PDB file of all heavy atoms in Angstrom:
ATOM      1  N   LEU A   1       0.834  -1.212   0.000  1.00  0.00           N
ATOM      2  CA  LEU A   1       0.000   0.000   0.000  1.00  0.00           C
ATOM      3  C   LEU A   1       0.868   1.262   0.000  1.00  0.00           C
ATOM      4  O   LEU A   1       1.866   1.338   0.714  1.00  0.00           O
ATOM      5  CB  LEU A   1      -0.930   0.038   1.221  1.00  0.00           C
ATOM      6  CG  LEU A   1      -2.036  -1.017   1.303  1.00  0.00           C
ATOM      7  CD1 LEU A   1      -2.920  -0.740   2.512  1.00  0.00           C
ATOM      8  CD2 LEU A   1      -2.874  -1.082   0.042  1.00  0.00           C
ATOM      9  N   SER A   2       0.459   2.249  -0.765  1.00  0.00           N
ATOM     10  CA  SER A   2       1.159   3.544  -0.788  1.00  0.00           C
ATOM     11  C   SER A   2       0.736   4.384   0.413  1.00  0.00           C
ATOM     12  O   SER A   2      -0.243   4.060   1.097  1.00  0.00           O
ATOM     13  CB  SER A   2       0.797   4.293  -2.077  1.00  0.00           C
ATOM     14  OG  SER A   2      -0.598   4.587  -2.065  1.00  0.00           O
ATOM     15  N   GLU A   3       1.454   5.481   0.638  1.00  0.00           N
ATOM     16  CA  GLU A   3       1.090   6.415   1.725  1.00  0.00           C
ATOM     17  C   GLU A   3      -0.354   6.884   1.546  1.00  0.00           C
ATOM     18  O   GLU A   3      -1.132   6.967   2.497  1.00  0.00           O
ATOM     19  CB  GLU A   3       2.014   7.655   1.681  1.00  0.00           C
ATOM     20  CG  GLU A   3       3.488   7.366   1.874  1.00  0.00           C
ATOM     21  CD  GLU A   3       3.878   7.216   3.340  1.00  0.00           C
ATOM     22  OE1 GLU A   3       3.210   7.817   4.194  1.00  0.00           O
ATOM     23  OE2 GLU A   3       4.837   6.472   3.610  1.00  0.00           O
ATOM     24  N   GLU A   4      -0.688   7.196   0.303  1.00  0.00           N
ATOM     25  CA  GLU A   4      -2.022   7.696  -0.031  1.00  0.00           C
ATOM     26  C   GLU A   4      -3.093   6.664   0.353  1.00  0.00           C
ATOM     27  O   GLU A   4      -4.139   6.994   0.917  1.00  0.00           O
ATOM     28  CB  GLU A   4      -2.037   7.942  -1.548  1.00  0.00           C
ATOM     29  CG  GLU A   4      -3.217   8.717  -2.060  1.00  0.00           C
ATOM     30  CD  GLU A   4      -3.160   8.822  -3.601  1.00  0.00           C
ATOM     31  OE1 GLU A   4      -2.246   8.247  -4.234  1.00  0.00           O
ATOM     32  OE2 GLU A   4      -4.038   9.482  -4.135  1.00  0.00           O
ATOM     33  N   GLU A   5      -2.802   5.393   0.055  1.00  0.00           N
ATOM     34  CA  GLU A   5      -3.759   4.325   0.381  1.00  0.00           C
ATOM     35  C   GLU A   5      -3.881   4.141   1.897  1.00  0.00           C
ATOM     36  O   GLU A   5      -4.985   3.949   2.420  1.00  0.00           O
ATOM     37  CB  GLU A   5      -3.324   3.021  -0.289  1.00  0.00           C
ATOM     38  CG  GLU A   5      -3.518   3.026  -1.796  1.00  0.00           C
ATOM     39  CD  GLU A   5      -2.986   1.766  -2.450  1.00  0.00           C
ATOM     40  OE1 GLU A   5      -1.746   1.646  -2.581  1.00  0.00           O
ATOM     41  OE2 GLU A   5      -3.788   0.900  -2.832  1.00  0.00           O
ATOM     42  N   LEU A   6      -2.757   4.217   2.597  1.00  0.00           N
ATOM     43  CA  LEU A   6      -2.815   4.087   4.065  1.00  0.00           C
ATOM     44  C   LEU A   6      -3.625   5.224   4.683  1.00  0.00           C
ATOM     45  O   LEU A   6      -4.367   5.020   5.644  1.00  0.00           O
ATOM     46  CB  LEU A   6      -1.400   4.038   4.654  1.00  0.00           C
ATOM     47  CG  LEU A   6      -0.652   2.716   4.460  1.00  0.00           C
ATOM     48  CD1 LEU A   6       0.817   2.858   4.839  1.00  0.00           C
ATOM     49  CD2 LEU A   6      -1.294   1.588   5.277  1.00  0.00           C
ATOM     50  N   LYS A   7      -3.488   6.418   4.113  1.00  0.00           N
ATOM     51  CA  LYS A   7      -4.283   7.562   4.610  1.00  0.00           C
ATOM     52  C   LYS A   7      -5.773   7.294   4.424  1.00  0.00           C
ATOM     53  O   LYS A   7      -6.589   7.630   5.282  1.00  0.00           O
ATOM     54  CB  LYS A   7      -3.877   8.846   3.886  1.00  0.00           C
ATOM     55  CG  LYS A   7      -2.587   9.445   4.422  1.00  0.00           C
ATOM     56  CD  LYS A   7      -2.178  10.695   3.676  1.00  0.00           C
ATOM     57  CE  LYS A   7      -0.798  11.164   4.172  1.00  0.00           C
ATOM     58  NZ  LYS A   7      -0.025  11.834   3.115  1.00  0.00           N
ATOM     59  N   LEU A   8      -6.121   6.693   3.289  1.00  0.00           N
ATOM     60  CA  LEU A   8      -7.532   6.380   3.022  1.00  0.00           C
ATOM     61  C   LEU A   8      -8.035   5.302   3.988  1.00  0.00           C
ATOM     62  O   LEU A   8      -9.157   5.391   4.503  1.00  0.00           O
ATOM     63  CB  LEU A   8      -7.701   5.934   1.561  1.00  0.00           C
ATOM     64  CG  LEU A   8      -9.125   5.780   1.022  1.00  0.00           C
ATOM     65  CD1 LEU A   8      -9.978   7.023   1.293  1.00  0.00           C
ATOM     66  CD2 LEU A   8      -9.100   5.474  -0.472  1.00  0.00           C
ATOM     67  N   PHE A   9      -7.205   4.289   4.261  1.00  0.00           N
ATOM     68  CA  PHE A   9      -7.556   3.280   5.278  1.00  0.00           C
ATOM     69  C   PHE A   9      -7.849   3.959   6.607  1.00  0.00           C
ATOM     70  O   PHE A   9      -8.846   3.659   7.274  1.00  0.00           O
ATOM     71  CB  PHE A   9      -6.407   2.273   5.451  1.00  0.00           C
ATOM     72  CG  PHE A   9      -6.589   0.991   4.695  1.00  0.00           C
ATOM     73  CD1 PHE A   9      -6.337   0.939   3.325  1.00  0.00           C
ATOM     74  CD2 PHE A   9      -7.017  -0.162   5.332  1.00  0.00           C
ATOM     75  CE1 PHE A   9      -6.500  -0.248   2.614  1.00  0.00           C
ATOM     76  CE2 PHE A   9      -7.189  -1.349   4.631  1.00  0.00           C
ATOM     77  CZ  PHE A   9      -6.927  -1.395   3.263  1.00  0.00           C
ATOM     78  N   SER A  10      -6.970   4.864   6.999  1.00  0.00           N
ATOM     79  CA  SER A  10      -7.124   5.561   8.284  1.00  0.00           C
ATOM     80  C   SER A  10      -8.398   6.402   8.300  1.00  0.00           C
ATOM     81  O   SER A  10      -9.170   6.381   9.263  1.00  0.00           O
ATOM     82  CB  SER A  10      -5.896   6.443   8.531  1.00  0.00           C
ATOM     83  OG  SER A  10      -6.021   7.094   9.761  1.00  0.00           O
ATOM     84  N   LEU A  11      -8.638   7.108   7.211  1.00  0.00           N
ATOM     85  CA  LEU A  11      -9.819   7.971   7.094  1.00  0.00           C
ATOM     86  C   LEU A  11     -11.102   7.162   7.212  1.00  0.00           C
ATOM     87  O   LEU A  11     -12.056   7.573   7.872  1.00  0.00           O
ATOM     88  CB  LEU A  11      -9.763   8.695   5.738  1.00  0.00           C
ATOM     89  CG  LEU A  11     -10.821   9.757   5.461  1.00  0.00           C
ATOM     90  CD1 LEU A  11     -10.619  10.945   6.404  1.00  0.00           C
ATOM     91  CD2 LEU A  11     -10.730  10.222   4.004  1.00  0.00           C
ATOM     92  N   ARG A  12     -11.122   6.001   6.581  1.00  0.00           N
ATOM     93  CA  ARG A  12     -12.343   5.165   6.597  1.00  0.00           C
ATOM     94  C   ARG A  12     -12.459   4.323   7.871  1.00  0.00           C
ATOM     95  O   ARG A  12     -13.488   3.716   8.123  1.00  0.00           O
ATOM     96  CB  ARG A  12     -12.348   4.225   5.389  1.00  0.00           C
ATOM     97  CG  ARG A  12     -12.405   4.935   4.056  1.00  0.00           C
ATOM     98  CD  ARG A  12     -13.779   5.502   3.740  1.00  0.00           C
ATOM     99  NE  ARG A  12     -13.780   6.120   2.427  1.00  0.00           N
ATOM    100  CZ  ARG A  12     -13.724   7.437   2.200  1.00  0.00           C
ATOM    101  NH1 ARG A  12     -13.683   8.279   3.217  1.00  0.00           N
ATOM    102  NH2 ARG A  12     -13.731   7.914   0.974  1.00  0.00           N
ATOM    103  N   GLY A  13     -11.376   4.237   8.649  1.00  0.00           N
ATOM    104  CA  GLY A  13     -11.399   3.384   9.845  1.00  0.00           C
ATOM    105  C   GLY A  13     -11.290   1.907   9.512  1.00  0.00           C
ATOM    106  O   GLY A  13     -11.658   1.048  10.312  1.00  0.00           O
ATOM    107  N   ALA A  14     -10.785   1.595   8.309  1.00  0.00           N
ATOM    108  CA  ALA A  14     -10.638   0.186   7.893  1.00  0.00           C
ATOM    109  C   ALA A  14      -9.385  -0.422   8.510  1.00  0.00           C
ATOM    110  O   ALA A  14      -8.440   0.294   8.859  1.00  0.00           O
ATOM    111  CB  ALA A  14     -10.573   0.103   6.367  1.00  0.00           C
ATOM    112  N   ALA A  15      -9.397  -1.743   8.641  1.00  0.00           N
ATOM    113  CA  ALA A  15      -8.303  -2.438   9.339  1.00  0.00           C
ATOM    114  C   ALA A  15      -7.524  -3.334   8.380  1.00  0.00           C
ATOM    115  O   ALA A  15      -8.005  -3.716   7.314  1.00  0.00           O
ATOM    116  CB  ALA A  15      -8.873  -3.290  10.467  1.00  0.00           C
ATOM    117  N   ILE A  16      -6.313  -3.687   8.817  1.00  0.00           N
ATOM    118  CA  ILE A  16      -5.439  -4.596   8.069  1.00  0.00           C
ATOM    119  C   ILE A  16      -5.160  -5.831   8.922  1.00  0.00           C
ATOM    120  O   ILE A  16      -4.951  -5.727  10.135  1.00  0.00           O
ATOM    121  CB  ILE A  16      -4.117  -3.880   7.694  1.00  0.00           C
ATOM    122  CG1 ILE A  16      -4.387  -2.837   6.586  1.00  0.00           C
ATOM    123  CG2 ILE A  16      -3.034  -4.871   7.246  1.00  0.00           C
ATOM    124  CD1 ILE A  16      -3.225  -1.914   6.303  1.00  0.00           C
ATOM    125  N   SER A  17      -5.169  -6.989   8.253  1.00  0.00           N
ATOM    126  CA  SER A  17      -4.756  -8.236   8.903  1.00  0.00           C
ATOM    127  C   SER A  17      -3.358  -8.587   8.402  1.00  0.00           C
ATOM    128  O   SER A  17      -3.160  -8.816   7.211  1.00  0.00           O
ATOM    129  CB  SER A  17      -5.719  -9.367   8.560  1.00  0.00           C
ATOM    130  OG  SER A  17      -5.200 -10.599   9.035  1.00  0.00           O
ATOM    131  N   HIS A  18      -2.405  -8.604   9.331  1.00  0.00           N
ATOM    132  CA  HIS A  18      -1.006  -8.918   8.993  1.00  0.00           C
ATOM    133  C   HIS A  18      -0.817 -10.425   9.089  1.00  0.00           C
ATOM    134  O   HIS A  18      -1.031 -11.014  10.150  1.00  0.00           O
ATOM    135  CB  HIS A  18      -0.105  -8.179   9.996  1.00  0.00           C
ATOM    136  CG  HIS A  18       1.355  -8.472   9.844  1.00  0.00           C
ATOM    137  ND1 HIS A  18       1.972  -8.636   8.630  1.00  0.00           N
ATOM    138  CD2 HIS A  18       2.341  -8.614  10.797  1.00  0.00           C
ATOM    139  CE1 HIS A  18       3.271  -8.862   8.825  1.00  0.00           C
ATOM    140  NE2 HIS A  18       3.509  -8.856  10.119  1.00  0.00           N
ATOM    141  N   CYS A  19      -0.442 -11.045   7.957  1.00  0.00           N
ATOM    142  CA  CYS A  19      -0.306 -12.508   7.882  1.00  0.00           C
ATOM    143  C   CYS A  19       1.121 -12.878   7.490  1.00  0.00           C
ATOM    144  O   CYS A  19       1.384 -13.311   6.353  1.00  0.00           O
ATOM    145  CB  CYS A  19      -1.295 -13.061   6.860  1.00  0.00           C
ATOM    146  SG  CYS A  19      -3.001 -12.559   7.149  1.00  0.00           S
ATOM    147  N   PRO A  20       2.088 -12.720   8.406  1.00  0.00           N
ATOM    148  CA  PRO A  20       3.493 -12.854   8.023  1.00  0.00           C
ATOM    149  C   PRO A  20       3.898 -14.255   7.569  1.00  0.00           C
ATOM    150  O   PRO A  20       4.739 -14.398   6.680  1.00  0.00           O
ATOM    151  CB  PRO A  20       4.254 -12.429   9.284  1.00  0.00           C
ATOM    152  CG  PRO A  20       3.283 -12.604  10.407  1.00  0.00           C
ATOM    153  CD  PRO A  20       1.933 -12.364   9.825  1.00  0.00           C
ATOM    154  N   ASN A  21       3.312 -15.306   8.166  1.00  0.00           N
ATOM    155  CA  ASN A  21       3.697 -16.655   7.742  1.00  0.00           C
ATOM    156  C   ASN A  21       3.406 -16.831   6.253  1.00  0.00           C
ATOM    157  O   ASN A  21       4.262 -17.266   5.479  1.00  0.00           O
ATOM    158  CB  ASN A  21       2.941 -17.704   8.574  1.00  0.00           C
ATOM    159  CG  ASN A  21       3.401 -19.126   8.266  1.00  0.00           C
ATOM    160  OD1 ASN A  21       3.597 -19.503   7.123  1.00  0.00           O
ATOM    161  ND2 ASN A  21       3.571 -19.924   9.306  1.00  0.00           N
ATOM    162  N   SER A  22       2.211 -16.465   5.848  1.00  0.00           N
ATOM    163  CA  SER A  22       1.819 -16.579   4.444  1.00  0.00           C
ATOM    164  C   SER A  22       2.668 -15.674   3.551  1.00  0.00           C
ATOM    165  O   SER A  22       3.095 -16.082   2.462  1.00  0.00           O
ATOM    166  CB  SER A  22       0.343 -16.207   4.317  1.00  0.00           C
ATOM    167  OG  SER A  22      -0.035 -16.123   2.978  1.00  0.00           O
ATOM    168  N   ASN A  23       2.933 -14.461   4.018  1.00  0.00           N
ATOM    169  CA  ASN A  23       3.737 -13.531   3.211  1.00  0.00           C
ATOM    170  C   ASN A  23       5.118 -14.110   2.904  1.00  0.00           C
ATOM    171  O   ASN A  23       5.640 -13.945   1.804  1.00  0.00           O
ATOM    172  CB  ASN A  23       3.899 -12.187   3.939  1.00  0.00           C
ATOM    173  CG  ASN A  23       2.589 -11.435   4.052  1.00  0.00           C
ATOM    174  OD1 ASN A  23       1.637 -11.721   3.332  1.00  0.00           O
ATOM    175  ND2 ASN A  23       2.525 -10.477   4.964  1.00  0.00           N
ATOM    176  N   PHE A  24       5.713 -14.790   3.895  1.00  0.00           N
ATOM    177  CA  PHE A  24       7.012 -15.432   3.689  1.00  0.00           C
ATOM    178  C   PHE A  24       6.878 -16.731   2.889  1.00  0.00           C
ATOM    179  O   PHE A  24       7.650 -16.996   1.979  1.00  0.00           O
ATOM    180  CB  PHE A  24       7.693 -15.751   5.025  1.00  0.00           C
ATOM    181  CG  PHE A  24       8.255 -14.549   5.737  1.00  0.00           C
ATOM    182  CD1 PHE A  24       7.965 -14.311   7.071  1.00  0.00           C
ATOM    183  CD2 PHE A  24       9.094 -13.652   5.080  1.00  0.00           C
ATOM    184  CE1 PHE A  24       8.490 -13.202   7.740  1.00  0.00           C
ATOM    185  CE2 PHE A  24       9.625 -12.548   5.732  1.00  0.00           C
ATOM    186  CZ  PHE A  24       9.316 -12.319   7.067  1.00  0.00           C
ATOM    187  N   SER A  25       5.876 -17.556   3.240  1.00  0.00           N
ATOM    188  CA  SER A  25       5.756 -18.885   2.628  1.00  0.00           C
ATOM    189  C   SER A  25       5.518 -18.804   1.127  1.00  0.00           C
ATOM    190  O   SER A  25       6.037 -19.620   0.366  1.00  0.00           O
ATOM    191  CB  SER A  25       4.617 -19.668   3.281  1.00  0.00           C
ATOM    192  OG  SER A  25       4.918 -19.893   4.638  1.00  0.00           O
ATOM    193  N   LEU A  26       4.693 -17.836   0.701  1.00  0.00           N
ATOM    194  CA  LEU A  26       4.402 -17.693  -0.729  1.00  0.00           C
ATOM    195  C   LEU A  26       5.275 -16.614  -1.374  1.00  0.00           C
ATOM    196  O   LEU A  26       5.048 -16.225  -2.511  1.00  0.00           O
ATOM    197  CB  LEU A  26       2.915 -17.356  -0.938  1.00  0.00           C
ATOM    198  CG  LEU A  26       1.890 -18.351  -0.376  1.00  0.00           C
ATOM    199  CD1 LEU A  26       0.475 -17.902  -0.713  1.00  0.00           C
ATOM    200  CD2 LEU A  26       2.120 -19.765  -0.893  1.00  0.00           C
ATOM    201  N   CYS A  27       6.267 -16.126  -0.612  1.00  0.00           N
ATOM    202  CA  CYS A  27       7.175 -15.066  -1.094  1.00  0.00           C
ATOM    203  C   CYS A  27       6.394 -13.869  -1.645  1.00  0.00           C
ATOM    204  O   CYS A  27       6.703 -13.346  -2.726  1.00  0.00           O
ATOM    205  CB  CYS A  27       8.114 -15.608  -2.176  1.00  0.00           C
ATOM    206  SG  CYS A  27       9.348 -16.710  -1.499  1.00  0.00           S
ATOM    207  N   SER A  28       5.391 -13.449  -0.906  1.00  0.00           N
ATOM    208  CA  SER A  28       4.516 -12.370  -1.386  1.00  0.00           C
ATOM    209  C   SER A  28       5.093 -10.983  -1.132  1.00  0.00           C
ATOM    210  O   SER A  28       5.059 -10.111  -1.987  1.00  0.00           O
ATOM    211  CB  SER A  28       3.148 -12.481  -0.716  1.00  0.00           C
ATOM    212  OG  SER A  28       2.508 -13.680  -1.067  1.00  0.00           O
ATOM    213  N   GLY A  29       5.609 -10.778   0.095  1.00  0.00           N
ATOM    214  CA  GLY A  29       6.117  -9.464   0.465  1.00  0.00           C
ATOM    215  C   GLY A  29       6.245  -9.361   1.968  1.00  0.00           C
ATOM    216  O   GLY A  29       5.983 -10.331   2.681  1.00  0.00           O
ATOM    217  N   VAL A  30       6.646  -8.194   2.446  1.00  0.00           N
ATOM    218  CA  VAL A  30       6.786  -7.972   3.888  1.00  0.00           C
ATOM    219  C   VAL A  30       6.003  -6.714   4.245  1.00  0.00           C
ATOM    220  O   VAL A  30       6.266  -5.646   3.692  1.00  0.00           O
ATOM    221  CB  VAL A  30       8.271  -7.799   4.296  1.00  0.00           C
ATOM    222  CG1 VAL A  30       8.389  -7.612   5.807  1.00  0.00           C
ATOM    223  CG2 VAL A  30       9.093  -9.008   3.854  1.00  0.00           C
ATOM    224  N   LEU A  31       5.047  -6.850   5.130  1.00  0.00           N
ATOM    225  CA  LEU A  31       4.274  -5.674   5.554  1.00  0.00           C
ATOM    226  C   LEU A  31       5.074  -4.871   6.577  1.00  0.00           C
ATOM    227  O   LEU A  31       5.577  -5.440   7.556  1.00  0.00           O
ATOM    228  CB  LEU A  31       2.936  -6.095   6.166  1.00  0.00           C
ATOM    229  CG  LEU A  31       2.095  -4.932   6.707  1.00  0.00           C
ATOM    230  CD1 LEU A  31       1.555  -4.070   5.577  1.00  0.00           C
ATOM    231  CD2 LEU A  31       0.954  -5.440   7.575  1.00  0.00           C
ATOM    232  N   ASN A  32       5.154  -3.565   6.357  1.00  0.00           N
ATOM    233  CA  ASN A  32       5.815  -2.693   7.331  1.00  0.00           C
ATOM    234  C   ASN A  32       4.785  -2.266   8.390  1.00  0.00           C
ATOM    235  O   ASN A  32       4.076  -1.276   8.245  1.00  0.00           O
ATOM    236  CB  ASN A  32       6.398  -1.471   6.618  1.00  0.00           C
ATOM    237  CG  ASN A  32       7.304  -0.667   7.536  1.00  0.00           C
ATOM    238  OD1 ASN A  32       7.163  -0.687   8.757  1.00  0.00           O
ATOM    239  ND2 ASN A  32       8.249   0.051   6.954  1.00  0.00           N
ATOM    240  N   VAL A  33       4.698  -3.068   9.450  1.00  0.00           N
ATOM    241  CA  VAL A  33       3.688  -2.870  10.494  1.00  0.00           C
ATOM    242  C   VAL A  33       3.826  -1.496  11.149  1.00  0.00           C
ATOM    243  O   VAL A  33       2.835  -0.807  11.404  1.00  0.00           O
ATOM    244  CB  VAL A  33       3.792  -3.997  11.552  1.00  0.00           C
ATOM    245  CG1 VAL A  33       2.967  -3.671  12.795  1.00  0.00           C
ATOM    246  CG2 VAL A  33       3.329  -5.320  10.948  1.00  0.00           C
ATOM    247  N   GLN A  34       5.069  -1.088  11.409  1.00  0.00           N
ATOM    248  CA  GLN A  34       5.255   0.198  12.098  1.00  0.00           C
ATOM    249  C   GLN A  34       4.747   1.363  11.261  1.00  0.00           C
ATOM    250  O   GLN A  34       4.153   2.308  11.786  1.00  0.00           O
ATOM    251  CB  GLN A  34       6.731   0.391  12.458  1.00  0.00           C
ATOM    252  CG  GLN A  34       7.111  -0.460  13.671  1.00  0.00           C
ATOM    253  CD  GLN A  34       8.595  -0.763  13.703  1.00  0.00           C
ATOM    254  OE1 GLN A  34       9.125  -1.379  12.788  1.00  0.00           O
ATOM    255  NE2 GLN A  34       9.263  -0.319  14.739  1.00  0.00           N
ATOM    256  N   LYS A  35       4.936   1.261   9.950  1.00  0.00           N
ATOM    257  CA  LYS A  35       4.432   2.300   9.046  1.00  0.00           C
ATOM    258  C   LYS A  35       2.895   2.343   9.075  1.00  0.00           C
ATOM    259  O   LYS A  35       2.282   3.406   9.115  1.00  0.00           O
ATOM    260  CB  LYS A  35       4.932   2.002   7.625  1.00  0.00           C
ATOM    261  CG  LYS A  35       4.604   3.065   6.595  1.00  0.00           C
ATOM    262  CD  LYS A  35       5.327   2.724   5.297  1.00  0.00           C
ATOM    263  CE  LYS A  35       4.663   3.326   4.091  1.00  0.00           C
ATOM    264  NZ  LYS A  35       5.261   2.824   2.853  1.00  0.00           N
ATOM    265  N   VAL A  36       2.280   1.166   9.076  1.00  0.00           N
ATOM    266  CA  VAL A  36       0.816   1.075   9.144  1.00  0.00           C
ATOM    267  C   VAL A  36       0.313   1.724  10.438  1.00  0.00           C
ATOM    268  O   VAL A  36      -0.627   2.532  10.433  1.00  0.00           O
ATOM    269  CB  VAL A  36       0.351  -0.405   9.069  1.00  0.00           C
ATOM    270  CG1 VAL A  36      -1.128  -0.531   9.375  1.00  0.00           C
ATOM    271  CG2 VAL A  36       0.664  -0.994   7.692  1.00  0.00           C
ATOM    272  N   LEU A  37       0.957   1.381  11.560  1.00  0.00           N
ATOM    273  CA  LEU A  37       0.530   1.910  12.855  1.00  0.00           C
ATOM    274  C   LEU A  37       0.762   3.423  12.944  1.00  0.00           C
ATOM    275  O   LEU A  37      -0.021   4.134  13.566  1.00  0.00           O
ATOM    276  CB  LEU A  37       1.238   1.168  14.001  1.00  0.00           C
ATOM    277  CG  LEU A  37       0.906  -0.336  14.109  1.00  0.00           C
ATOM    278  CD1 LEU A  37       1.742  -0.994  15.192  1.00  0.00           C
ATOM    279  CD2 LEU A  37      -0.579  -0.573  14.362  1.00  0.00           C
ATOM    280  N   LYS A  38       1.844   3.911  12.322  1.00  0.00           N
ATOM    281  CA  LYS A  38       2.100   5.369  12.301  1.00  0.00           C
ATOM    282  C   LYS A  38       0.977   6.113  11.580  1.00  0.00           C
ATOM    283  O   LYS A  38       0.687   7.270  11.880  1.00  0.00           O
ATOM    284  CB  LYS A  38       3.434   5.666  11.609  1.00  0.00           C
ATOM    285  CG  LYS A  38       4.630   5.531  12.537  1.00  0.00           C
ATOM    286  CD  LYS A  38       5.897   6.185  11.949  1.00  0.00           C
ATOM    287  CE  LYS A  38       7.119   5.874  12.809  1.00  0.00           C
ATOM    288  NZ  LYS A  38       7.914   4.757  12.267  1.00  0.00           N
ATOM    289  N   HIS A  39       0.354   5.435  10.614  1.00  0.00           N
ATOM    290  CA  HIS A  39      -0.771   6.052   9.897  1.00  0.00           C
ATOM    291  C   HIS A  39      -2.088   5.885  10.670  1.00  0.00           C
ATOM    292  O   HIS A  39      -3.155   6.207  10.155  1.00  0.00           O
ATOM    293  CB  HIS A  39      -0.916   5.455   8.494  1.00  0.00           C
ATOM    294  CG  HIS A  39       0.018   6.050   7.493  1.00  0.00           C
ATOM    295  ND1 HIS A  39       1.304   5.583   7.307  1.00  0.00           N
ATOM    296  CD2 HIS A  39      -0.130   7.094   6.644  1.00  0.00           C
ATOM    297  CE1 HIS A  39       1.897   6.299   6.362  1.00  0.00           C
ATOM    298  NE2 HIS A  39       1.052   7.223   5.952  1.00  0.00           N
ATOM    299  N   ASN A  40      -1.977   5.335  11.877  1.00  0.00           N
ATOM    300  CA  ASN A  40      -3.153   5.173  12.735  1.00  0.00           C
ATOM    301  C   ASN A  40      -4.207   4.260  12.092  1.00  0.00           C
ATOM    302  O   ASN A  40      -5.399   4.526  12.162  1.00  0.00           O
ATOM    303  CB  ASN A  40      -3.750   6.560  13.043  1.00  0.00           C
ATOM    304  CG  ASN A  40      -4.507   6.536  14.355  1.00  0.00           C
ATOM    305  OD1 ASN A  40      -4.256   5.687  15.209  1.00  0.00           O
ATOM    306  ND2 ASN A  40      -5.457   7.433  14.499  1.00  0.00           N
ATOM    307  N   VAL A  41      -3.716   3.189  11.460  1.00  0.00           N
ATOM    308  CA  VAL A  41      -4.609   2.193  10.866  1.00  0.00           C
ATOM    309  C   VAL A  41      -4.705   1.008  11.827  1.00  0.00           C
ATOM    310  O   VAL A  41      -3.694   0.552  12.357  1.00  0.00           O
ATOM    311  CB  VAL A  41      -4.082   1.729   9.488  1.00  0.00           C
ATOM    312  CG1 VAL A  41      -4.943   0.598   8.922  1.00  0.00           C
ATOM    313  CG2 VAL A  41      -4.036   2.898   8.507  1.00  0.00           C
ATOM    314  N   LYS A  42      -5.924   0.535  12.072  1.00  0.00           N
ATOM    315  CA  LYS A  42      -6.114  -0.613  12.961  1.00  0.00           C
ATOM    316  C   LYS A  42      -5.459  -1.845  12.345  1.00  0.00           C
ATOM    317  O   LYS A  42      -5.565  -2.068  11.137  1.00  0.00           O
ATOM    318  CB  LYS A  42      -7.612  -0.892  13.149  1.00  0.00           C
ATOM    319  CG  LYS A  42      -8.370   0.222  13.850  1.00  0.00           C
ATOM    320  CD  LYS A  42      -9.856  -0.076  13.987  1.00  0.00           C
ATOM    321  CE  LYS A  42     -10.563  -0.128  12.670  1.00  0.00           C
ATOM    322  NZ  LYS A  42     -12.042  -0.157  12.781  1.00  0.00           N
ATOM    323  N   LEU A  43      -4.800  -2.652  13.194  1.00  0.00           N
ATOM    324  CA  LEU A  43      -4.081  -3.804  12.661  1.00  0.00           C
ATOM    325  C   LEU A  43      -4.137  -4.983  13.627  1.00  0.00           C
ATOM    326  O   LEU A  43      -3.893  -4.831  14.817  1.00  0.00           O
ATOM    327  CB  LEU A  43      -2.619  -3.409  12.378  1.00  0.00           C
ATOM    328  CG  LEU A  43      -1.784  -4.502  11.719  1.00  0.00           C
ATOM    329  CD1 LEU A  43      -1.068  -3.972  10.485  1.00  0.00           C
ATOM    330  CD2 LEU A  43      -0.747  -5.058  12.679  1.00  0.00           C
TER     331      LEU A  43
END
């Protein structure tokens, strides 16, 4: 997600589910949890 998208998540009060096992197992990516929390997005 871009900064702009995280701002929209925060504005709408939408939440993110962090699934690190799957992200690593399928080589999908790494979620930057601290960045998400800095944007005041529920996680």
